[in-house]
PDB file of N, CA and C in Angstrom:
ATOM      1  N   MET A   1      68.745 107.772 106.754  1.00  0.00           N
ATOM      2  CA  MET A   1      69.616 108.614 106.270  1.00  0.00           C
ATOM      3  C   MET A   1      69.564 109.609 105.151  1.00  0.00           C
ATOM      4  N   SER A   2      69.744 110.787 105.107  1.00  0.00           N
ATOM      5  CA  SER A   2      69.363 111.564 103.992  1.00  0.00           C
ATOM      6  C   SER A   2      70.910 111.611 103.042  1.00  0.00           C
ATOM      7  N   ALA A   3      70.717 112.083 101.946  1.00  0.00           N
ATOM      8  CA  ALA A   3      71.807 112.308 101.019  1.00  0.00           C
ATOM      9  C   ALA A   3      72.895 113.346 101.405  1.00  0.00           C
ATOM     10  N   ASP A   4      72.440 114.124 102.245  1.00  0.00           N
ATOM     11  CA  ASP A   4      73.209 115.443 102.507  1.00  0.00           C
ATOM     12  C   ASP A   4      74.456 114.844 103.345  1.00  0.00           C
ATOM     13  N   PRO A   5      74.654 113.716 104.267  1.00  0.00           N
ATOM     14  CA  PRO A   5      75.793 113.115 104.927  1.00  0.00           C
ATOM     15  C   PRO A   5      76.660 112.542 103.722  1.00  0.00           C
ATOM     16  N   ASP A   6      76.119 111.635 102.885  1.00  0.00           N
ATOM     17  CA  ASP A   6      76.789 111.324 101.755  1.00  0.00           C
ATOM     18  C   ASP A   6      77.689 112.196 101.015  1.00  0.00           C
ATOM     19  N   ARG A   7      77.080 113.474 100.656  1.00  0.00           N
ATOM     20  CA  ARG A   7      77.590 114.610  99.745  1.00  0.00           C
ATOM     21  C   ARG A   7      78.703 115.322 100.832  1.00  0.00           C
ATOM     22  N   LEU A   8      78.365 115.143 101.868  1.00  0.00           N
ATOM     23  CA  LEU A   8      79.422 115.916 102.718  1.00  0.00           C
ATOM     24  C   LEU A   8      80.592 115.102 103.053  1.00  0.00           C
ATOM     25  N   THR A   9      80.475 113.737 103.260  1.00  0.00           N
ATOM     26  CA  THR A   9      81.620 112.749 103.284  1.00  0.00           C
ATOM     27  C   THR A   9      82.390 112.761 102.013  1.00  0.00           C
ATOM     28  N   VAL A  10      81.774 112.976 100.760  1.00  0.00           N
ATOM     29  CA  VAL A  10      82.563 112.737  99.674  1.00  0.00           C
ATOM     30  C   VAL A  10      83.328 114.290  99.655  1.00  0.00           C
ATOM     31  N   ALA A  11      82.713 115.263  99.786  1.00  0.00           N
ATOM     32  CA  ALA A  11      82.995 116.501  99.722  1.00  0.00           C
ATOM     33  C   ALA A  11      84.514 116.846 100.678  1.00  0.00           C
ATOM     34  N   SER A  12      84.436 116.099 101.823  1.00  0.00           N
ATOM     35  CA  SER A  12      85.450 116.102 102.532  1.00  0.00           C
ATOM     36  C   SER A  12      86.476 115.285 102.172  1.00  0.00           C
ATOM     37  N   GLY A  13      86.462 114.193 101.668  1.00  0.00           N
ATOM     38  CA  GLY A  13      87.551 113.505 101.083  1.00  0.00           C
ATOM     39  C   GLY A  13      88.209 114.173  99.619  1.00  0.00           C
ATOM     40  N   VAL A  14      87.374 114.661  98.953  1.00  0.00           N
ATOM     41  CA  VAL A  14      87.700 115.559  97.655  1.00  0.00           C
ATOM     42  C   VAL A  14      88.607 116.577  98.193  1.00  0.00           C
ATOM     43  N   GLY A  15      88.067 117.247  99.092  1.00  0.00           N
ATOM     44  CA  GLY A  15      88.867 118.599  99.751  1.00  0.00           C
ATOM     45  C   GLY A  15      89.871 118.254 100.560  1.00  0.00           C
ATOM     46  N   SER A  16      90.312 116.950 100.687  1.00  0.00           N
ATOM     47  CA  SER A  16      91.440 116.682 101.635  1.00  0.00           C
ATOM     48  C   SER A  16      90.954 117.152 102.907  1.00  0.00           C
ATOM     49  N   LEU A  17      89.763 116.969 103.414  1.00  0.00           N
ATOM     50  CA  LEU A  17      89.548 117.423 104.671  1.00  0.00           C
ATOM     51  C   LEU A  17      89.355 116.372 105.749  1.00  0.00           C
ATOM     52  N   PRO A  18      89.348 116.614 107.031  1.00  0.00           N
ATOM     53  CA  PRO A  18      89.142 115.676 107.957  1.00  0.00           C
ATOM     54  C   PRO A  18      88.016 114.673 107.676  1.00  0.00           C
ATOM     55  N   GLY A  19      87.727 113.361 107.969  1.00  0.00           N
ATOM     56  CA  GLY A  19      86.528 112.658 107.805  1.00  0.00           C
ATOM     57  C   GLY A  19      85.430 113.132 108.547  1.00  0.00           C
ATOM     58  N   ARG A  20      84.204 112.956 108.130  1.00  0.00           N
ATOM     59  CA  ARG A  20      83.200 113.347 108.996  1.00  0.00           C
ATOM     60  C   ARG A  20      82.867 112.376 110.313  1.00  0.00           C
ATOM     61  N   ILE A  21      82.240 113.018 111.197  1.00  0.00           N
ATOM     62  CA  ILE A  21      81.811 112.217 112.425  1.00  0.00           C
ATOM     63  C   ILE A  21      80.280 112.027 112.357  1.00  0.00           C
ATOM     64  N   TYR A  22      79.935 110.834 112.515  1.00  0.00           N
ATOM     65  CA  TYR A  22      78.553 110.494 112.514  1.00  0.00           C
ATOM     66  C   TYR A  22      77.805 110.890 113.927  1.00  0.00           C
ATOM     67  N   GLY A  23      76.384 111.514 114.049  1.00  0.00           N
ATOM     68  CA  GLY A  23      75.845 111.620 115.167  1.00  0.00           C
ATOM     69  C   GLY A  23      75.628 110.650 116.054  1.00  0.00           C
ATOM     70  N   PRO A  24      75.330 110.957 117.471  1.00  0.00           N
ATOM     71  CA  PRO A  24      75.103 109.943 118.364  1.00  0.00           C
ATOM     72  C   PRO A  24      73.949 108.919 118.228  1.00  0.00           C
ATOM     73  N   THR A  25      73.991 107.825 118.811  1.00  0.00           N
ATOM     74  CA  THR A  25      72.829 107.131 118.967  1.00  0.00           C
ATOM     75  C   THR A  25      72.040 107.329 120.147  1.00  0.00           C
ATOM     76  N   VAL A  26      70.805 107.355 120.200  1.00  0.00           N
ATOM     77  CA  VAL A  26      69.930 107.542 121.409  1.00  0.00           C
ATOM     78  C   VAL A  26      69.749 106.179 121.961  1.00  0.00           C
ATOM     79  N   GLY A  27      69.646 105.943 123.372  1.00  0.00           N
ATOM     80  CA  GLY A  27      69.273 104.654 123.735  1.00  0.00           C
ATOM     81  C   GLY A  27      70.463 103.932 124.117  1.00  0.00           C
ATOM     82  N   THR A  28      70.063 102.700 124.720  1.00  0.00           N
ATOM     83  CA  THR A  28      71.165 101.816 125.183  1.00  0.00           C
ATOM     84  C   THR A  28      71.261 100.613 124.416  1.00  0.00           C
ATOM     85  N   SER A  29      70.578 100.324 123.485  1.00  0.00           N
ATOM     86  CA  SER A  29      70.582  99.259 122.723  1.00  0.00           C
ATOM     87  C   SER A  29      71.892  98.752 121.918  1.00  0.00           C
ATOM     88  N   HIS A  30      72.559  98.017 122.164  1.00  0.00           N
ATOM     89  CA  HIS A  30      73.756  97.861 121.786  1.00  0.00           C
ATOM     90  C   HIS A  30      73.620  97.414 120.100  1.00  0.00           C
ATOM     91  N   PRO A  31      72.386  96.174 119.826  1.00  0.00           N
ATOM     92  CA  PRO A  31      72.519  95.947 118.441  1.00  0.00           C
ATOM     93  C   PRO A  31      72.361  97.007 117.505  1.00  0.00           C
ATOM     94  N   VAL A  32      71.320  98.307 118.048  1.00  0.00           N
ATOM     95  CA  VAL A  32      70.969  99.521 117.196  1.00  0.00           C
ATOM     96  C   VAL A  32      72.487 100.357 117.144  1.00  0.00           C
ATOM     97  N   LEU A  33      73.078 100.318 118.274  1.00  0.00           N
ATOM     98  CA  LEU A  33      74.481 101.089 118.161  1.00  0.00           C
ATOM     99  C   LEU A  33      75.473 100.295 117.287  1.00  0.00           C
ATOM    100  N   ARG A  34      75.339  99.143 117.287  1.00  0.00           N
ATOM    101  CA  ARG A  34      76.327  98.477 116.207  1.00  0.00           C
ATOM    102  C   ARG A  34      75.951  98.900 114.884  1.00  0.00           C
ATOM    103  N   GLU A  35      74.480  98.858 114.621  1.00  0.00           N
ATOM    104  CA  GLU A  35      74.285  98.909 113.282  1.00  0.00           C
ATOM    105  C   GLU A  35      74.436 100.375 112.721  1.00  0.00           C
ATOM    106  N   GLN A  36      74.272 101.191 113.684  1.00  0.00           N
ATOM    107  CA  GLN A  36      74.388 102.466 113.279  1.00  0.00           C
ATOM    108  C   GLN A  36      75.777 102.963 113.307  1.00  0.00           C
ATOM    109  N   SER A  37      76.908 102.343 114.047  1.00  0.00           N
ATOM    110  CA  SER A  37      78.342 102.256 113.705  1.00  0.00           C
ATOM    111  C   SER A  37      78.685 101.776 112.498  1.00  0.00           C
ATOM    112  N   SER A  38      78.041 100.524 112.054  1.00  0.00           N
ATOM    113  CA  SER A  38      78.326 100.072 110.753  1.00  0.00           C
ATOM    114  C   SER A  38      78.060 101.056 109.575  1.00  0.00           C
ATOM    115  N   MET A  39      77.050 101.684 109.838  1.00  0.00           N
ATOM    116  CA  MET A  39      76.721 102.654 108.925  1.00  0.00           C
ATOM    117  C   MET A  39      77.468 103.728 108.688  1.00  0.00           C
ATOM    118  N   THR A  40      78.266 104.009 109.691  1.00  0.00           N
ATOM    119  CA  THR A  40      79.067 105.214 109.940  1.00  0.00           C
ATOM    120  C   THR A  40      80.276 104.791 108.948  1.00  0.00           C
ATOM    121  N   VAL A  41      80.918 103.409 109.123  1.00  0.00           N
ATOM    122  CA  VAL A  41      81.972 102.708 108.260  1.00  0.00           C
ATOM    123  C   VAL A  41      81.630 102.943 107.075  1.00  0.00           C
ATOM    124  N   LEU A  42      80.473 102.352 106.669  1.00  0.00           N
ATOM    125  CA  LEU A  42      80.367 102.242 105.214  1.00  0.00           C
ATOM    126  C   LEU A  42      79.962 103.453 104.486  1.00  0.00           C
ATOM    127  N   MET A  43      79.601 104.597 105.187  1.00  0.00           N
ATOM    128  CA  MET A  43      79.530 106.011 104.477  1.00  0.00           C
ATOM    129  C   MET A  43      80.907 106.604 104.481  1.00  0.00           C
ATOM    130  N   GLY A  44      81.884 106.078 104.927  1.00  0.00           N
ATOM    131  CA  GLY A  44      83.176 106.681 104.867  1.00  0.00           C
ATOM    132  C   GLY A  44      83.293 107.810 105.974  1.00  0.00           C
ATOM    133  N   MET A  45      82.614 107.637 107.191  1.00  0.00           N
ATOM    134  CA  MET A  45      82.963 108.643 108.130  1.00  0.00           C
ATOM    135  C   MET A  45      83.908 108.040 109.103  1.00  0.00           C
ATOM    136  N   THR A  46      84.531 108.874 109.646  1.00  0.00           N
ATOM    137  CA  THR A  46      85.911 108.268 110.681  1.00  0.00           C
ATOM    138  C   THR A  46      85.616 108.405 112.161  1.00  0.00           C
ATOM    139  N   GLY A  47      84.267 108.700 112.616  1.00  0.00           N
ATOM    140  CA  GLY A  47      83.840 108.536 113.974  1.00  0.00           C
ATOM    141  C   GLY A  47      82.688 108.743 114.156  1.00  0.00           C
ATOM    142  N   LYS A  48      82.254 108.477 115.462  1.00  0.00           N
ATOM    143  CA  LYS A  48      80.998 108.610 115.916  1.00  0.00           C
ATOM    144  C   LYS A  48      80.960 109.167 117.414  1.00  0.00           C
ATOM    145  N   LEU A  49      79.792 110.153 117.521  1.00  0.00           N
ATOM    146  CA  LEU A  49      79.619 110.686 118.845  1.00  0.00           C
ATOM    147  C   LEU A  49      79.044 109.682 119.717  1.00  0.00           C
ATOM    148  N   CYS A  50      79.236 109.863 121.128  1.00  0.00           N
ATOM    149  CA  CYS A  50      78.836 109.067 122.125  1.00  0.00           C
ATOM    150  C   CYS A  50      77.859 109.994 123.229  1.00  0.00           C
ATOM    151  N   LEU A  51      76.697 109.357 123.631  1.00  0.00           N
ATOM    152  CA  LEU A  51      75.895 109.991 124.540  1.00  0.00           C
ATOM    153  C   LEU A  51      76.309 109.451 126.213  1.00  0.00           C
ATOM    154  N   ASP A  52      76.910 108.207 125.858  1.00  0.00           N
ATOM    155  CA  ASP A  52      77.013 107.408 127.056  1.00  0.00           C
ATOM    156  C   ASP A  52      78.390 106.696 127.068  1.00  0.00           C
ATOM    157  N   PRO A  53      79.426 106.824 128.110  1.00  0.00           N
ATOM    158  CA  PRO A  53      80.769 106.224 127.898  1.00  0.00           C
ATOM    159  C   PRO A  53      80.384 104.702 127.653  1.00  0.00           C
ATOM    160  N   ALA A  54      79.433 104.040 128.158  1.00  0.00           N
ATOM    161  CA  ALA A  54      79.128 102.616 127.891  1.00  0.00           C
ATOM    162  C   ALA A  54      79.284 102.406 126.418  1.00  0.00           C
ATOM    163  N   GLN A  55      78.863 103.276 125.613  1.00  0.00           N
ATOM    164  CA  GLN A  55      78.635 103.047 124.158  1.00  0.00           C
ATOM    165  C   GLN A  55      80.175 103.018 123.549  1.00  0.00           C
ATOM    166  N   THR A  56      81.148 103.333 124.166  1.00  0.00           N
ATOM    167  CA  THR A  56      82.369 103.469 123.481  1.00  0.00           C
ATOM    168  C   THR A  56      82.868 102.138 123.151  1.00  0.00           C
ATOM    169  N   PRO A  57      83.070 101.117 123.962  1.00  0.00           N
ATOM    170  CA  PRO A  57      83.603 100.203 123.219  1.00  0.00           C
ATOM    171  C   PRO A  57      83.041  99.234 122.216  1.00  0.00           C
ATOM    172  N   VAL A  58      81.797  99.548 121.928  1.00  0.00           N
ATOM    173  CA  VAL A  58      81.047  98.897 120.830  1.00  0.00           C
ATOM    174  C   VAL A  58      81.283  99.739 119.658  1.00  0.00           C
ATOM    175  N   ILE A  59      81.351 101.027 119.846  1.00  0.00           N
ATOM    176  CA  ILE A  59      81.762 101.775 118.670  1.00  0.00           C
ATOM    177  C   ILE A  59      83.189 101.782 118.094  1.00  0.00           C
ATOM    178  N   ASN A  60      84.209 101.470 119.179  1.00  0.00           N
ATOM    179  CA  ASN A  60      85.439 101.320 118.926  1.00  0.00           C
ATOM    180  C   ASN A  60      85.589  99.992 118.202  1.00  0.00           C
ATOM    181  N   GLU A  61      84.876  98.964 118.778  1.00  0.00           N
ATOM    182  CA  GLU A  61      85.074  97.742 117.982  1.00  0.00           C
ATOM    183  C   GLU A  61      84.538  97.472 116.492  1.00  0.00           C
ATOM    184  N   VAL A  62      83.481  98.296 116.215  1.00  0.00           N
ATOM    185  CA  VAL A  62      82.847  98.360 115.097  1.00  0.00           C
ATOM    186  C   VAL A  62      83.840  99.184 113.975  1.00  0.00           C
ATOM    187  N   ILE A  63      84.083 100.449 114.424  1.00  0.00           N
ATOM    188  CA  ILE A  63      84.774 101.362 113.425  1.00  0.00           C
ATOM    189  C   ILE A  63      86.430 101.062 113.326  1.00  0.00           C
ATOM    190  N   SER A  64      86.873 100.385 114.496  1.00  0.00           N
ATOM    191  CA  SER A  64      88.595 100.325 114.312  1.00  0.00           C
ATOM    192  C   SER A  64      88.718  99.352 113.037  1.00  0.00           C
ATOM    193  N   PRO A  65      89.848  99.431 112.531  1.00  0.00           N
ATOM    194  CA  PRO A  65      90.300  98.660 111.330  1.00  0.00           C
ATOM    195  C   PRO A  65      90.543  97.336 111.935  1.00  0.00           C
ATOM    196  N   THR A  66      90.104  96.401 110.756  1.00  0.00           N
ATOM    197  CA  THR A  66      90.157  94.942 111.228  1.00  0.00           C
ATOM    198  C   THR A  66      91.924  94.660 110.798  1.00  0.00           C
ATOM    199  N   PRO A  67      92.383  93.518 111.407  1.00  0.00           N
ATOM    200  CA  PRO A  67      93.846  93.255 111.300  1.00  0.00           C
ATOM    201  C   PRO A  67      94.040  93.059 109.620  1.00  0.00           C
ATOM    202  N   THR A  68      93.053  92.695 108.899  1.00  0.00           N
ATOM    203  CA  THR A  68      93.243  92.511 107.521  1.00  0.00           C
ATOM    204  C   THR A  68      93.500  94.085 106.829  1.00  0.00           C
ATOM    205  N   ASP A  69      92.514  94.846 107.484  1.00  0.00           N
ATOM    206  CA  ASP A  69      92.631  96.357 106.942  1.00  0.00           C
ATOM    207  C   ASP A  69      94.024  97.062 107.310  1.00  0.00           C
ATOM    208  N   ILE A  70      94.496  96.583 108.252  1.00  0.00           N
ATOM    209  CA  ILE A  70      95.833  97.172 108.912  1.00  0.00           C
ATOM    210  C   ILE A  70      96.796  96.732 107.646  1.00  0.00           C
ATOM    211  N   GLY A  71      96.777  95.345 107.531  1.00  0.00           N
ATOM    212  CA  GLY A  71      97.683  94.657 106.940  1.00  0.00           C
ATOM    213  C   GLY A  71      97.669  95.456 105.032  1.00  0.00           C
ATOM    214  N   TRP A  72      96.612  95.377 104.924  1.00  0.00           N
ATOM    215  CA  TRP A  72      96.273  95.848 103.580  1.00  0.00           C
ATOM    216  C   TRP A  72      97.015  97.630 103.407  1.00  0.00           C
ATOM    217  N   ALA A  73      96.564  98.197 104.428  1.00  0.00           N
ATOM    218  CA  ALA A  73      97.112  99.467 104.413  1.00  0.00           C
ATOM    219  C   ALA A  73      98.774  99.743 104.616  1.00  0.00           C
ATOM    220  N   ARG A  74      99.053  98.866 105.278  1.00  0.00           N
ATOM    221  CA  ARG A  74     100.691  98.785 105.451  1.00  0.00           C
ATOM    222  C   ARG A  74     101.328  98.316 103.982  1.00  0.00           C
ATOM    223  N   SER A  75     100.936  97.365 103.481  1.00  0.00           N
ATOM    224  CA  SER A  75     101.210  96.815 102.052  1.00  0.00           C
ATOM    225  C   SER A  75     101.278  98.101 100.969  1.00  0.00           C
ATOM    226  N   SER A  76     100.039  98.576 100.985  1.00  0.00           N
ATOM    227  CA  SER A  76      99.891  99.772 100.247  1.00  0.00           C
ATOM    228  C   SER A  76     100.846 100.636 100.145  1.00  0.00           C
ATOM    229  N   PHE A  77     101.127 101.253 101.461  1.00  0.00           N
ATOM    230  CA  PHE A  77     101.872 102.346 101.882  1.00  0.00           C
ATOM    231  C   PHE A  77     103.553 101.774 101.357  1.00  0.00           C
ATOM    232  N   MET A  78     103.789 100.530 101.788  1.00  0.00           N
ATOM    233  CA  MET A  78     105.131 100.074 101.308  1.00  0.00           C
ATOM    234  C   MET A  78     105.313 100.120  99.819  1.00  0.00           C
ATOM    235  N   ILE A  79     104.233  99.587  99.087  1.00  0.00           N
ATOM    236  CA  ILE A  79     104.278  99.633  97.532  1.00  0.00           C
ATOM    237  C   ILE A  79     104.618 101.070  97.157  1.00  0.00           C
ATOM    238  N   SER A  80     103.734 102.026  97.820  1.00  0.00           N
ATOM    239  CA  SER A  80     103.876 103.412  97.179  1.00  0.00           C
ATOM    240  C   SER A  80     105.430 103.938  97.652  1.00  0.00           C
ATOM    241  N   GLN A  81     105.787 103.425  98.918  1.00  0.00           N
ATOM    242  CA  GLN A  81     107.184 103.959  99.061  1.00  0.00           C
ATOM    243  C   GLN A  81     108.227 103.632  97.924  1.00  0.00           C
ATOM    244  N   LEU A  82     108.031 102.188  97.435  1.00  0.00           N
ATOM    245  CA  LEU A  82     108.889 101.715  96.515  1.00  0.00           C
ATOM    246  C   LEU A  82     108.771 102.423  95.446  1.00  0.00           C
ATOM    247  N   GLU A  83     107.356 102.487  94.919  1.00  0.00           N
ATOM    248  CA  GLU A  83     107.371 103.148  93.780  1.00  0.00           C
ATOM    249  C   GLU A  83     107.986 104.462  93.456  1.00  0.00           C
ATOM    250  N   ALA A  84     107.805 105.202  94.591  1.00  0.00           N
ATOM    251  CA  ALA A  84     108.240 106.700  94.670  1.00  0.00           C
ATOM    252  C   ALA A  84     109.773 106.885  94.428  1.00  0.00           C
ATOM    253  N   ARG A  85     110.520 105.711  94.551  1.00  0.00           N
ATOM    254  CA  ARG A  85     111.944 105.665  94.545  1.00  0.00           C
ATOM    255  C   ARG A  85     112.396 105.951  93.090  1.00  0.00           C
TER     256      ARG A  85
END
């Protein structure tokens, strides 16, 4: 991956723009798809394009927040709501 997607992802966040979406994975290898989907998350992107509907479950599994992530987000939101009062 080049630095351009990194800069665009950061710029999107700074500019309060929607998160970037990573391009598609060519081929049917689920390990490659899983690896590239993980890179999507690590780079702060919020989605990934699919070329085949069979890729959707793998991408959703990798990109979706874990129960721990959801718990953290809920507690952070609740703390911010309490601090705003």
